[in-house]
C-alpha cells in the first residue's frame, strides 16, 4: 500500500522525499472533512425513503402507520447489554423482529417491535400502553422489580428507532444543550440525597433512597412534504422525545401530571406502574429527507476538536518528513555518491554490514505469519474506511461496518498467504506448509478463543450480546471453509517466489560492536511508537467513546485521513530509527522494524487502561473482563497492521540503499 507523503524514485542515487504530496494529503483532509460536515448533497446508497400520509389517504406506496422499534439497552457503567424484553416493560402482542446482518449479531443488536404505535399526523395525549403490577409476596414479581431497579441504578439506556432513525433525547446542562440517541430507564436518589444521572436535572426528584421510573414519553416526530403536487405525502426527518415520570393514581382518567413514579428501595407494598405516551407531529419545510441525519449531529459538537487532531497529526507527519528528507537528500545521498566514486572503497557505518544486512532472523516463520496477517488486516481496514467515507457504511445502515470488515477479512486470505509464504521463502525457510498453517490459524485462533470466552461470560450473564451456537458454527465455517483455503492458495503461489536482495550474505555472521543505550533495540522500539500514537490519540478518544460510552461515530472522513497519516508516520519513524541502527553496525533489523511501529499498540493498550479507570464508570468483574477482552483483540489487530507497515517500509528502504552502492 503506497502513501502520498513519502515517495522515492526508482533510481537509488536519486532518493528524494515528495513533500508536495503532503499538501495533497491536507487537501484530501479538507475534502473528507467537508464531506462530513455537509451531508445534504447525498445520502446513503441503497436505502430508499418511506412515504407517509394520513389514514384516509393511505395507498400501497404511502403508509399511515408509524412503527416504533426498540433496540437493546446498554449502560456506560456495564459492558453487558440486555434485550428490551429482558426487562419488564410493555410487550408487543404481534412481536416482529427485523432481519439482522452479521454485524448486528456480533455487536449484540436486538431490534424488535414495540407496543408504541402511531398514525401519521394524528396527535395522541397521555395514551395508555399497559399496566405492570408487582405483588410484594410474589417471588417472580420481586425478581422482575429487582432487575428493573438494577437497570436504573446502572443507568441503562433505551434505544428507540422510528423509520430507521434513532429517537434522540435532548436536555439542558451547564454547558448548554446536550442530545443523545438514548434515554434512561429512570434515576436514583442515594441515602445521602445525592441525585444520580438524570435525577440531577429533575428537582422534583428529591426523596432519598428512592428510584424514579420514566414511565411516560412525550414524542415529537418531524416530517417534510417533498413536493407541492403531492401535498398529502410526507417523509419523516426527525424524532425526539422527553421522558417523564408520573404516578398515574387514576388509571381510568390519565392526565400525565402530578407526582413522579417512585419505587422505594425496599419493596414492602404492592406496586402498579402505568406506562403512557404522548405524540405529536410537526412539519419542517427546511429539512429534507436526504439530510435528515444532520439533527443527530447536535449531540456531537466535536468538529473543532477533530480538526485540531488532524492538524496535530499533520504537524507530526511534517516533522518526520523533514527528518527523513534531511537524511535522504543530504546525508545518505551524498554518502552514496562519495562511496561510489572512490576507486578503493573504505567500508564504514551502514556500508560495513552489507554482507550481513539480509541475514535471516530468528523465528522467521513467526515473523512471516505476522506479516501475512498484517497485510490482511491492513487491506481490510483501508477498504472498510474508504467505503465508510462515502456513506456506504454509515450508522443508518446498522451493522454494515462490522459485516464489511468480517467479509473482507475472510476474502483476503489469499494476499495474507502469498505475502507470508513469499517473505518466508525470502528468509530461506523451507517448511512453507507449516508457515501456511501458522498464518491461517495463529492470530485468527487467538481472536476466536478470546471471543469464545467473552461469549461464555455474556451467556452466563444473560446478555443480548451473547451469540448463539449456530452463529459460532457459521463463523468457524467461514474461517475454515473460505479463509483457510484462500490462504493456502496464496501460500502456494507465494512459496514459488521470493524478494530479490541486492547484496549477498556471508556465511559467517559479523560481530556487532558494543551498542550504546540509545542504539539498543529496547530504547528504539519504545521511542518508535510515540509519534504514531501521537497522531491517533485524539481520534482514539472518539472511537472508544463510540464503543464504550455508546455514542454514535460518524466522522469517517477524519478517521480515514488519520489512517493515511498513521501509515506515513509509522513508515518514516521506522525508516529513521532503522538508519540510525544500521549506522551503529547493528544488522538485526528484521524484528526491530516490525516491533518499532508495532509498539504503538502498547501505547494504545496503556491509553485503554487509562480510559477504563478515568473516563468510564464500569462496575463488576464480568464487565471488566469483557472490556479488557475486547481491548486485547483491538490491540492485537493494531499491532499486526502497524508492525507490517513499519517492516515493509524498512525493507524497501534497505533494499534501495544497498542496491545503490557498488559492492566489490
Foldseek 3Di string as FASTA:
>chain_A
DDFQFADADPALLGGFTDNVSLVVLVVLLVVLLVCQVDQLPFAAPPDDFQKEFFPVPDDPRYHFKWWKKWKWKDFLQFLFIAGPVVAPDAADPPKDWDDDDPLCLLLLITIITGQDMDTPQDWDDWAFRDKDKAAPVDPVSVVNVVVLVVQQDRFIWIWMDIRLDQAKEWDADPVGIAIFSTHTQWWAQAQVQDTPDPSVVPVLPGDHQKIFGQQEKEKEWEWEDDDPVCVRIITTQHMYIYTFFDQCPDVVDDDPDDHGNIDHPDPDHMGMGIHTYIYHYHYDHPDDNSCSCVVLCVNPPCSVVLVVLLVQLSVLLVVLSVVVRCCSVPPLSVVQVVQQPDPDHDDAFLRVQLQPLLAFDPPLLLLLLLLLLLVLLVVLVLVLLVCLSVHNPFVSVPSPSVSSSLVSSLQSLQSSLLSSLQSCVSNVHDPLVVSLCCNLCPLVVVLLVLVVVLLVLSVVVNGSSRRDPVSNVVSVCSSVVGNSVSSVNNNVVNNVHYDDFLDHHDPDHDDQDDDDPCLDLVNLLVVLLPSLLSSCVSVVVVVVCCSSVVGGDRSSSSVSSSVSSSLSSLLSSLQVSLSVNSSSVDSPNQVSQLSNQLCNLVVVVVVLVVCPVPVGNHDDPSSVSSSVSVSVSVSSSSSSNSSSSRNVSNVVVVRSSSNSHDDD
